Each structure stands twice: as C-alpha cells, then as structure tokens.
Amino acid sequence: MTLEASRVTLARQRAGLSKSALAHKTGTTPRTVTTWESTGPPSSRLHQIATITGMPPEFFSTKEIDLLEEKQLFFRARRRSPSVLLRRSTAFGALGVEFYRSISKHFRTPALCLLDTEFRNSPQEAAMALRLAWGMGLEPAPNLVAEAHGIRVLGIPLADVKVDAFSFWSADGRPFIFLSRVKTAERSRFDLAHEIGHLILHSDVTKTEEATDRQIEHEANIFAAEFLLPTESLRAKLSSPPSLDTLMKIKITYGTSAI
C-alpha cells in the first residue's frame, strides 16, 4: 500500500522543504522523493513523513488533492521572497481550495461577481467599475464585501507571520485571497483591495521578470487606493490644506491609513 503522492508534495511544501531537504531528513535521495511524489511512498514511511512535515497521518490516506504552481500566485516581492515562503504559500493555497470544496458540498456560497476584461483600461477605472458593480457608489467599502461577491478570503496561519498577502485563480475559476492575520485593520483592508486588483487586472499576466513585477504591484496599489477611497470622494471632503482633524475623520470613515 502506498500513500497519496499529491499529499506528500503538499505536506512537503507546507513544511517549506525542498525535495533535497526532505530526502536528507528521511535518509533517502532527491530522486526517491521525486518518485514518492509521482507514485506515492510506501505506507511504512507514513509516520516518518508525517512527523517531519507536521501533518497528521490521516492526511496522507485520503484522495488526491489539486496542487498549485508558484507561478499561479500573485505574491508581493516574489523575486525577493525566500523560496521557502513561496512553497508554504503555494501549499496554503491548495489547502484553501480543498477547504472550500468541502464547504461547498454542504453550504451554498455567494455567486462570483467580478469585472469583464472590457473594464480593465486602467486601475482607477477598474476600481470604480467594480464599486458600481457591487453597488457601493462612492460610499466606504464595507467589511466582508469581497466574500459577499464570491471571492474566497482566508487567513494565513499565525505561525507564518513572514508570509504576506497573496491571491490566485483556482482551476475551477474561483478567486482566492490569503491575508496575514497580524496586521492592522487598515493594512488588511488595503492588502485585500490590492489583491482584488491583481485578480481583476492581471489574470492574463504570464511574465515574471522584475520590471513586470514592479509594474503589476504599482497597478494593484493604484487600484486599491481608488477602490478604498475614490478620488471624487476625497476631493469633496478635503480643504486645502487639509486639517489633521479632517484627515482623521476620513481615515475612520473609509477605514484607511491616515498617511
């Protein structure tokens, strides 16, 4: 009897291990680990692999799980991020898809409502078009607005404070966003809006060179700023120069950073 190969891969990624690292810890070779992740390791390795990866033994005996590739994720500062963080984030994503797949078998989840490509002329226009599509007008964005419109939002485990927000489209066409749980409410709202920007603006981006990374991060920031605090609203509320009291009122009303 062998263990489910895809779950060995996911457990290794979740532990942040390379194939070489797992081979070293199990006293085998990288080629053997590659075979395990293709056809499954023997059941005699169950408790060893479970102990090394920190996953419960029963995790490895259930059905095949869909894996993600690192390139599927919109990940901030990808090129400056250690490979261990990318591996762990990829595993979080796959586990999130599996979690929601189980939830959807028992509960009806909100239908997806995002923009078509025709509204992606600029980050600002996309942000305002989404506000209109979600019935927000120029009002502050409510909490849970993303979940209410079919985006699946999950928290990153508290133990993984170095993993920043990231997002991706799953194979079944559902958008997922993962957020750090140790940031301020204002930063979390901005991160959420930033990742929504990626999902809308950059679903067809395939290049990963540094210039492209900088460009899409800049566009996602512009989208987030316009989505959370529309320029039209800001101009109507600001005097010149604005007082600190005015800025603090806007911060509280729109749930954004005063800076």
C-alpha atoms as a PDB file:
ATOM      1  CA  MET A   1       0.000   0.000   0.000  1.00  0.00           C
ATOM      2  CA  THR A   2       1.271   3.481  -0.877  1.00  0.00           C
ATOM      3  CA  LEU A   3       0.431   6.958   0.391  1.00  0.00           C
ATOM      4  CA  GLU A   4      -1.283   9.543  -1.807  1.00  0.00           C
ATOM      5  CA  ALA A   5       1.524  11.157  -3.829  1.00  0.00           C
ATOM      6  CA  SER A   6      -0.048  14.613  -4.223  1.00  0.00           C
ATOM      7  CA  ARG A   7      -0.474  14.908  -0.469  1.00  0.00           C
ATOM      8  CA  VAL A   8       3.185  14.141   0.102  1.00  0.00           C
ATOM      9  CA  THR A   9       4.046  17.027  -2.218  1.00  0.00           C
ATOM     10  CA  LEU A  10       1.629  19.336  -0.430  1.00  0.00           C
ATOM     11  CA  ALA A  11       2.919  18.338   3.003  1.00  0.00           C
ATOM     12  CA  ARG A  12       6.489  18.995   1.880  1.00  0.00           C
ATOM     13  CA  GLN A  13       5.522  22.416   0.524  1.00  0.00           C
ATOM     14  CA  ARG A  14       3.558  23.223   3.680  1.00  0.00           C
ATOM     15  CA  ALA A  15       6.672  22.472   5.729  1.00  0.00           C
ATOM     16  CA  GLY A  16       8.711  24.721   3.444  1.00  0.00           C
ATOM     17  CA  LEU A  17      11.002  21.875   2.426  1.00  0.00           C
ATOM     18  CA  SER A  18      12.711  21.295  -0.887  1.00  0.00           C
ATOM     19  CA  LYS A  19      12.911  17.775  -2.264  1.00  0.00           C
ATOM     20  CA  SER A  20      16.564  17.651  -1.237  1.00  0.00           C
ATOM     21  CA  ALA A  21      15.714  18.722   2.315  1.00  0.00           C
ATOM     22  CA  LEU A  22      13.004  16.086   2.650  1.00  0.00           C
ATOM     23  CA  ALA A  23      15.366  13.466   1.239  1.00  0.00           C
ATOM     24  CA  HIS A  24      18.010  14.401   3.810  1.00  0.00           C
ATOM     25  CA  LYS A  25      15.544  14.200   6.690  1.00  0.00           C
ATOM     26  CA  THR A  26      14.189  10.831   5.555  1.00  0.00           C
ATOM     27  CA  GLY A  27      17.609   9.351   4.792  1.00  0.00           C
ATOM     28  CA  THR A  28      16.857   8.905   1.087  1.00  0.00           C
ATOM     29  CA  THR A  29      17.768  10.710  -2.136  1.00  0.00           C
ATOM     30  CA  PRO A  30      16.036  13.520  -4.052  1.00  0.00           C
ATOM     31  CA  ARG A  31      15.296  11.005  -6.806  1.00  0.00           C
ATOM     32  CA  THR A  32      13.448   8.830  -4.295  1.00  0.00           C
ATOM     33  CA  VAL A  33      11.399  11.812  -3.120  1.00  0.00           C
ATOM     34  CA  THR A  34      10.559  12.569  -6.737  1.00  0.00           C
ATOM     35  CA  THR A  35       9.293   9.014  -7.103  1.00  0.00           C
ATOM     36  CA  TRP A  36       7.253   9.332  -3.920  1.00  0.00           C
ATOM     37  CA  GLU A  37       5.620  12.468  -5.292  1.00  0.00           C
ATOM     38  CA  SER A  38       4.837  10.692  -8.537  1.00  0.00           C
ATOM     39  CA  THR A  39       3.597   7.256  -7.433  1.00  0.00           C
ATOM     40  CA  GLY A  40       3.407   7.567  -3.638  1.00  0.00           C
ATOM     41  CA  PRO A  41       5.763   6.370  -0.870  1.00  0.00           C
ATOM     42  CA  PRO A  42       5.225   3.036   0.888  1.00  0.00           C
ATOM     43  CA  SER A  43       2.965   3.061   3.937  1.00  0.00           C
ATOM     44  CA  SER A  44       5.968   2.147   6.086  1.00  0.00           C
ATOM     45  CA  ARG A  45       7.121   5.760   5.630  1.00  0.00           C
ATOM     46  CA  LEU A  46       3.830   7.251   6.887  1.00  0.00           C
ATOM     47  CA  HIS A  47       4.770   8.215  10.436  1.00  0.00           C
ATOM     48  CA  GLN A  48       8.225   9.430   9.411  1.00  0.00           C
ATOM     49  CA  ILE A  49       6.852  11.754   6.720  1.00  0.00           C
ATOM     50  CA  ALA A  50       4.005  12.909   8.967  1.00  0.00           C
ATOM     51  CA  THR A  51       6.431  13.753  11.775  1.00  0.00           C
ATOM     52  CA  ILE A  52       8.842  15.628   9.507  1.00  0.00           C
ATOM     53  CA  THR A  53       6.166  17.665   7.754  1.00  0.00           C
ATOM     54  CA  GLY A  54       3.963  18.256  10.801  1.00  0.00           C
ATOM     55  CA  MET A  55       0.847  16.905   9.110  1.00  0.00           C
ATOM     56  CA  PRO A  56      -1.449  14.321  10.745  1.00  0.00           C
ATOM     57  CA  PRO A  57      -1.006  10.748   9.455  1.00  0.00           C
ATOM     58  CA  GLU A  58      -4.609  10.573   8.221  1.00  0.00           C
ATOM     59  CA  PHE A  59      -3.882  13.474   5.850  1.00  0.00           C
ATOM     60  CA  PHE A  60      -1.904  11.140   3.584  1.00  0.00           C
ATOM     61  CA  SER A  61      -4.518   8.436   3.208  1.00  0.00           C
ATOM     62  CA  THR A  62      -7.341  10.445   1.646  1.00  0.00           C
ATOM     63  CA  LYS A  63      -7.976  11.234  -2.008  1.00  0.00           C
ATOM     64  CA  GLU A  64      -5.755  13.109  -4.426  1.00  0.00           C
ATOM     65  CA  ILE A  65      -5.546  16.856  -3.892  1.00  0.00           C
ATOM     66  CA  ASP A  66      -5.145  19.514  -6.579  1.00  0.00           C
ATOM     67  CA  LEU A  67      -1.772  21.198  -6.352  1.00  0.00           C
ATOM     68  CA  LEU A  68      -0.909  24.774  -7.285  1.00  0.00           C
ATOM     69  CA  GLU A  69       2.194  26.059  -9.017  1.00  0.00           C
ATOM     70  CA  GLU A  70       4.087  29.017  -7.588  1.00  0.00           C
ATOM     71  CA  LYS A  71       3.645  30.948 -10.831  1.00  0.00           C
ATOM     72  CA  GLN A  72      -0.149  30.886 -10.310  1.00  0.00           C
ATOM     73  CA  LEU A  73       0.142  33.122  -7.238  1.00  0.00           C
ATOM     74  CA  PHE A  74       0.255  36.906  -7.166  1.00  0.00           C
ATOM     75  CA  PHE A  75       2.884  37.244  -4.477  1.00  0.00           C
ATOM     76  CA  ARG A  76       4.322  40.558  -3.343  1.00  0.00           C
ATOM     77  CA  ALA A  77       8.066  40.945  -3.918  1.00  0.00           C
ATOM     78  CA  ARG A  78       8.241  37.478  -5.449  1.00  0.00           C
ATOM     79  CA  ARG A  79      11.856  37.796  -6.551  1.00  0.00           C
ATOM     80  CA  ARG A  80      12.994  38.964  -3.117  1.00  0.00           C
ATOM     81  CA  SER A  81      10.995  36.315  -1.252  1.00  0.00           C
ATOM     82  CA  PRO A  82      12.768  33.186   0.013  1.00  0.00           C
ATOM     83  CA  SER A  83      11.752  30.020  -1.800  1.00  0.00           C
ATOM     84  CA  VAL A  84      10.533  28.577   1.499  1.00  0.00           C
ATOM     85  CA  LEU A  85       7.839  31.274   1.695  1.00  0.00           C
ATOM     86  CA  LEU A  86       6.749  30.625  -1.864  1.00  0.00           C
ATOM     87  CA  ARG A  87       6.495  26.903  -1.171  1.00  0.00           C
ATOM     88  CA  ARG A  88       4.472  27.449   2.001  1.00  0.00           C
ATOM     89  CA  SER A  89       2.152  29.925   0.307  1.00  0.00           C
ATOM     90  CA  THR A  90       1.546  27.514  -2.547  1.00  0.00           C
ATOM     91  CA  ALA A  91       0.580  24.863  -0.002  1.00  0.00           C
ATOM     92  CA  PHE A  92      -1.731  27.260   1.870  1.00  0.00           C
ATOM     93  CA  GLY A  93      -3.460  27.989  -1.403  1.00  0.00           C
ATOM     94  CA  ALA A  94      -4.037  24.334  -2.255  1.00  0.00           C
ATOM     95  CA  LEU A  95      -5.356  23.636   1.232  1.00  0.00           C
ATOM     96  CA  GLY A  96      -7.695  26.627   0.928  1.00  0.00           C
ATOM     97  CA  VAL A  97      -9.129  25.314  -2.335  1.00  0.00           C
ATOM     98  CA  GLU A  98      -9.654  21.905  -0.715  1.00  0.00           C
ATOM     99  CA  PHE A  99     -11.319  23.523   2.310  1.00  0.00           C
ATOM    100  CA  TYR A 100     -13.780  25.498   0.208  1.00  0.00           C
ATOM    101  CA  ARG A 101     -14.501  22.472  -1.936  1.00  0.00           C
ATOM    102  CA  SER A 102     -15.643  20.666   1.207  1.00  0.00           C
ATOM    103  CA  ILE A 103     -17.646  23.683   2.392  1.00  0.00           C
ATOM    104  CA  SER A 104     -19.430  23.951  -0.955  1.00  0.00           C
ATOM    105  CA  LYS A 105     -20.710  20.394  -0.645  1.00  0.00           C
ATOM    106  CA  HIS A 106     -22.763  21.379   2.403  1.00  0.00           C
ATOM    107  CA  PHE A 107     -23.425  25.107   2.043  1.00  0.00           C
ATOM    108  CA  ARG A 108     -24.389  27.463  -0.754  1.00  0.00           C
ATOM    109  CA  THR A 109     -21.713  30.112  -1.223  1.00  0.00           C
ATOM    110  CA  PRO A 110     -22.154  33.536  -2.883  1.00  0.00           C
ATOM    111  CA  ALA A 111     -22.011  33.697  -6.654  1.00  0.00           C
ATOM    112  CA  LEU A 112     -18.938  35.287  -8.177  1.00  0.00           C
ATOM    113  CA  CYS A 113     -19.273  38.899  -9.295  1.00  0.00           C
ATOM    114  CA  LEU A 114     -16.149  40.433 -10.824  1.00  0.00           C
ATOM    115  CA  LEU A 115     -15.437  42.566 -13.882  1.00  0.00           C
ATOM    116  CA  ASP A 116     -15.100  41.585 -17.500  1.00  0.00           C
ATOM    117  CA  THR A 117     -11.892  42.489 -19.303  1.00  0.00           C
ATOM    118  CA  GLU A 118     -13.562  45.467 -21.028  1.00  0.00           C
ATOM    119  CA  PHE A 119     -13.411  47.420 -17.741  1.00  0.00           C
ATOM    120  CA  ARG A 120      -9.665  46.994 -17.275  1.00  0.00           C
ATOM    121  CA  ASN A 121      -8.485  50.052 -19.203  1.00  0.00           C
ATOM    122  CA  SER A 122      -6.775  51.488 -16.118  1.00  0.00           C
ATOM    123  CA  PRO A 123      -6.555  50.606 -12.412  1.00  0.00           C
ATOM    124  CA  GLN A 124      -8.671  53.646 -11.473  1.00  0.00           C
ATOM    125  CA  GLU A 125     -11.395  52.839 -13.998  1.00  0.00           C
ATOM    126  CA  ALA A 126     -11.417  49.190 -12.929  1.00  0.00           C
ATOM    127  CA  ALA A 127     -11.775  50.200  -9.266  1.00  0.00           C
ATOM    128  CA  MET A 128     -14.702  52.500  -9.968  1.00  0.00           C
ATOM    129  CA  ALA A 129     -16.358  49.958 -12.259  1.00  0.00           C
ATOM    130  CA  LEU A 130     -16.146  47.341  -9.518  1.00  0.00           C
ATOM    131  CA  ARG A 131     -17.592  49.780  -6.987  1.00  0.00           C
ATOM    132  CA  LEU A 132     -20.559  50.337  -9.274  1.00  0.00           C
ATOM    133  CA  ALA A 133     -20.965  46.614  -9.963  1.00  0.00           C
ATOM    134  CA  TRP A 134     -21.018  45.956  -6.209  1.00  0.00           C
ATOM    135  CA  GLY A 135     -23.473  48.789  -5.540  1.00  0.00           C
ATOM    136  CA  MET A 136     -21.044  50.800  -3.427  1.00  0.00           C
ATOM    137  CA  GLY A 137     -21.151  54.097  -5.314  1.00  0.00           C
ATOM    138  CA  LEU A 138     -18.777  56.458  -3.526  1.00  0.00           C
ATOM    139  CA  GLU A 139     -19.523  55.120  -0.051  1.00  0.00           C
ATOM    140  CA  PRO A 140     -16.924  53.410   2.190  1.00  0.00           C
ATOM    141  CA  ALA A 141     -16.258  49.771   1.356  1.00  0.00           C
ATOM    142  CA  PRO A 142     -18.000  47.560   3.957  1.00  0.00           C
ATOM    143  CA  ASN A 143     -16.238  44.674   5.624  1.00  0.00           C
ATOM    144  CA  LEU A 144     -16.823  41.260   4.022  1.00  0.00           C
ATOM    145  CA  VAL A 145     -17.608  42.932   0.694  1.00  0.00           C
ATOM    146  CA  ALA A 146     -15.253  40.579  -1.164  1.00  0.00           C
ATOM    147  CA  GLU A 147     -16.739  37.408   0.336  1.00  0.00           C
ATOM    148  CA  ALA A 148     -20.257  38.647  -0.375  1.00  0.00           C
ATOM    149  CA  HIS A 149     -19.399  38.746  -4.078  1.00  0.00           C
ATOM    150  CA  GLY A 150     -17.835  35.317  -4.381  1.00  0.00           C
ATOM    151  CA  ILE A 151     -14.157  35.960  -3.603  1.00  0.00           C
ATOM    152  CA  ARG A 152     -12.866  33.384  -1.140  1.00  0.00           C
ATOM    153  CA  VAL A 153     -10.817  35.044   1.586  1.00  0.00           C
ATOM    154  CA  LEU A 154      -8.786  33.105   4.123  1.00  0.00           C
ATOM    155  CA  GLY A 155      -6.283  33.965   6.828  1.00  0.00           C
ATOM    156  CA  ILE A 156      -2.662  32.876   6.824  1.00  0.00           C
ATOM    157  CA  PRO A 157      -1.757  30.832   9.950  1.00  0.00           C
ATOM    158  CA  LEU A 158      -0.453  32.982  12.788  1.00  0.00           C
ATOM    159  CA  ALA A 159       2.753  30.970  12.947  1.00  0.00           C
ATOM    160  CA  ASP A 160       3.612  32.134   9.414  1.00  0.00           C
ATOM    161  CA  VAL A 161       3.959  35.856  10.067  1.00  0.00           C
ATOM    162  CA  LYS A 162       6.551  36.248   7.295  1.00  0.00           C
ATOM    163  CA  VAL A 163       4.088  35.185   4.606  1.00  0.00           C
ATOM    164  CA  ASP A 164       2.412  38.269   3.145  1.00  0.00           C
ATOM    165  CA  ALA A 165      -0.924  38.528   1.357  1.00  0.00           C
ATOM    166  CA  PHE A 166      -1.284  36.652  -1.922  1.00  0.00           C
ATOM    167  CA  SER A 167      -4.018  35.688  -4.366  1.00  0.00           C
ATOM    168  CA  PHE A 168      -4.732  33.355  -7.282  1.00  0.00           C
ATOM    169  CA  TRP A 169      -7.421  31.883  -9.515  1.00  0.00           C
ATOM    170  CA  SER A 170      -8.171  28.219  -8.858  1.00  0.00           C
ATOM    171  CA  ALA A 171      -8.592  25.648 -11.631  1.00  0.00           C
ATOM    172  CA  ASP A 172     -12.380  25.828 -11.273  1.00  0.00           C
ATOM    173  CA  GLY A 173     -12.399  29.593 -11.894  1.00  0.00           C
ATOM    174  CA  ARG A 174     -12.734  30.814  -8.317  1.00  0.00           C
ATOM    175  CA  PRO A 175     -10.630  33.701  -6.966  1.00  0.00           C
ATOM    176  CA  PHE A 176      -8.839  33.206  -3.636  1.00  0.00           C
ATOM    177  CA  ILE A 177      -7.150  35.753  -1.391  1.00  0.00           C
ATOM    178  CA  PHE A 178      -4.996  34.920   1.640  1.00  0.00           C
ATOM    179  CA  LEU A 179      -4.318  37.655   4.194  1.00  0.00           C
ATOM    180  CA  SER A 180      -1.901  37.989   7.080  1.00  0.00           C
ATOM    181  CA  ARG A 181      -3.658  37.969  10.455  1.00  0.00           C
ATOM    182  CA  VAL A 182      -1.122  40.109  12.307  1.00  0.00           C
ATOM    183  CA  LYS A 183      -1.546  43.446  10.513  1.00  0.00           C
ATOM    184  CA  THR A 184      -3.644  46.463  11.406  1.00  0.00           C
ATOM    185  CA  ALA A 185      -7.219  46.618  10.176  1.00  0.00           C
ATOM    186  CA  GLU A 186      -6.321  49.432   7.776  1.00  0.00           C
ATOM    187  CA  ARG A 187      -3.398  47.493   6.309  1.00  0.00           C
ATOM    188  CA  SER A 188      -5.508  44.361   5.952  1.00  0.00           C
ATOM    189  CA  ARG A 189      -8.197  46.301   4.072  1.00  0.00           C
ATOM    190  CA  PHE A 190      -5.551  47.724   1.745  1.00  0.00           C
ATOM    191  CA  ASP A 191      -3.993  44.295   1.207  1.00  0.00           C
ATOM    192  CA  LEU A 192      -7.407  42.862   0.379  1.00  0.00           C
ATOM    193  CA  ALA A 193      -8.125  45.630  -2.153  1.00  0.00           C
ATOM    194  CA  HIS A 194      -4.619  45.225  -3.585  1.00  0.00           C
ATOM    195  CA  GLU A 195      -5.191  41.507  -4.187  1.00  0.00           C
ATOM    196  CA  ILE A 196      -8.607  42.153  -5.736  1.00  0.00           C
ATOM    197  CA  GLY A 197      -6.761  44.463  -8.111  1.00  0.00           C
ATOM    198  CA  HIS A 198      -4.437  41.642  -9.112  1.00  0.00           C
ATOM    199  CA  LEU A 199      -7.332  39.262  -9.713  1.00  0.00           C
ATOM    200  CA  ILE A 200      -9.069  41.755 -11.989  1.00  0.00           C
ATOM    201  CA  LEU A 201      -6.149  43.408 -13.754  1.00  0.00           C
ATOM    202  CA  HIS A 202      -3.548  40.685 -14.063  1.00  0.00           C
ATOM    203  CA  SER A 203      -5.228  37.339 -14.646  1.00  0.00           C
ATOM    204  CA  ASP A 204      -3.540  37.121 -18.045  1.00  0.00           C
ATOM    205  CA  VAL A 205      -0.042  38.156 -16.900  1.00  0.00           C
ATOM    206  CA  THR A 206       2.424  35.367 -17.611  1.00  0.00           C
ATOM    207  CA  LYS A 207       5.799  37.121 -17.436  1.00  0.00           C
ATOM    208  CA  THR A 208       7.622  37.250 -14.126  1.00  0.00           C
ATOM    209  CA  GLU A 209      10.658  39.442 -14.755  1.00  0.00           C
ATOM    210  CA  GLU A 210      11.413  42.152 -12.209  1.00  0.00           C
ATOM    211  CA  ALA A 211      10.088  45.032 -14.359  1.00  0.00           C
ATOM    212  CA  THR A 212       6.757  43.264 -14.815  1.00  0.00           C
ATOM    213  CA  ASP A 213       6.540  42.503 -11.094  1.00  0.00           C
ATOM    214  CA  ARG A 214       7.086  46.181 -10.247  1.00  0.00           C
ATOM    215  CA  GLN A 215       4.516  47.293 -12.790  1.00  0.00           C
ATOM    216  CA  ILE A 216       1.726  44.994 -11.666  1.00  0.00           C
ATOM    217  CA  GLU A 217       2.388  45.783  -7.993  1.00  0.00           C
ATOM    218  CA  HIS A 218       2.154  49.502  -8.784  1.00  0.00           C
ATOM    219  CA  GLU A 219      -1.106  48.999 -10.673  1.00  0.00           C
ATOM    220  CA  ALA A 220      -2.577  46.936  -7.828  1.00  0.00           C
ATOM    221  CA  ASN A 221      -1.680  49.707  -5.365  1.00  0.00           C
ATOM    222  CA  ILE A 222      -3.408  52.318  -7.534  1.00  0.00           C
ATOM    223  CA  PHE A 223      -6.479  50.079  -7.790  1.00  0.00           C
ATOM    224  CA  ALA A 224      -6.557  49.576  -4.012  1.00  0.00           C
ATOM    225  CA  ALA A 225      -6.295  53.299  -3.280  1.00  0.00           C
ATOM    226  CA  GLU A 226      -9.122  54.177  -5.677  1.00  0.00           C
ATOM    227  CA  PHE A 227     -11.290  51.280  -4.511  1.00  0.00           C
ATOM    228  CA  LEU A 228     -10.988  52.147  -0.815  1.00  0.00           C
ATOM    229  CA  LEU A 229     -11.050  55.938  -1.142  1.00  0.00           C
ATOM    230  CA  PRO A 230     -12.326  57.228  -4.512  1.00  0.00           C
ATOM    231  CA  THR A 231     -10.644  60.386  -5.736  1.00  0.00           C
ATOM    232  CA  GLU A 232     -14.022  62.050  -6.235  1.00  0.00           C
ATOM    233  CA  SER A 233     -14.969  61.441  -2.607  1.00  0.00           C
ATOM    234  CA  LEU A 234     -11.614  62.643  -1.356  1.00  0.00           C
ATOM    235  CA  ARG A 235     -11.774  65.905  -3.302  1.00  0.00           C
ATOM    236  CA  ALA A 236     -15.260  66.623  -1.952  1.00  0.00           C
ATOM    237  CA  LYS A 237     -14.114  66.175   1.647  1.00  0.00           C
ATOM    238  CA  LEU A 238     -10.715  67.866   1.641  1.00  0.00           C
ATOM    239  CA  SER A 239      -9.946  71.515   2.114  1.00  0.00           C
ATOM    240  CA  SER A 240      -6.596  72.962   1.054  1.00  0.00           C
ATOM    241  CA  PRO A 241      -4.511  72.390   3.056  1.00  0.00           C
ATOM    242  CA  PRO A 242      -6.451  69.689   4.939  1.00  0.00           C
ATOM    243  CA  SER A 243      -6.506  69.810   8.714  1.00  0.00           C
ATOM    244  CA  LEU A 244      -5.378  66.850  10.796  1.00  0.00           C
ATOM    245  CA  ASP A 245      -8.902  66.559  12.181  1.00  0.00           C
ATOM    246  CA  THR A 246     -10.313  66.244   8.643  1.00  0.00           C
ATOM    247  CA  LEU A 247      -7.768  63.573   7.731  1.00  0.00           C
ATOM    248  CA  MET A 248      -8.581  61.548  10.836  1.00  0.00           C
ATOM    249  CA  LYS A 249     -12.299  61.706  10.102  1.00  0.00           C
ATOM    250  CA  ILE A 250     -11.690  60.411   6.573  1.00  0.00           C
ATOM    251  CA  LYS A 251      -9.427  57.659   7.939  1.00  0.00           C
ATOM    252  CA  ILE A 252     -12.150  56.477  10.319  1.00  0.00           C
ATOM    253  CA  THR A 253     -14.964  56.750   7.777  1.00  0.00           C
ATOM    254  CA  TYR A 254     -13.169  54.885   4.980  1.00  0.00           C
ATOM    255  CA  GLY A 255     -11.061  52.522   7.087  1.00  0.00           C
ATOM    256  CA  THR A 256      -7.785  53.624   5.516  1.00  0.00           C
ATOM    257  CA  SER A 257      -4.423  54.738   6.787  1.00  0.00           C
ATOM    258  CA  ALA A 258      -4.261  58.459   7.526  1.00  0.00           C
ATOM    259  CA  ILE A 259      -0.866  58.622   5.835  1.00  0.00           C
END
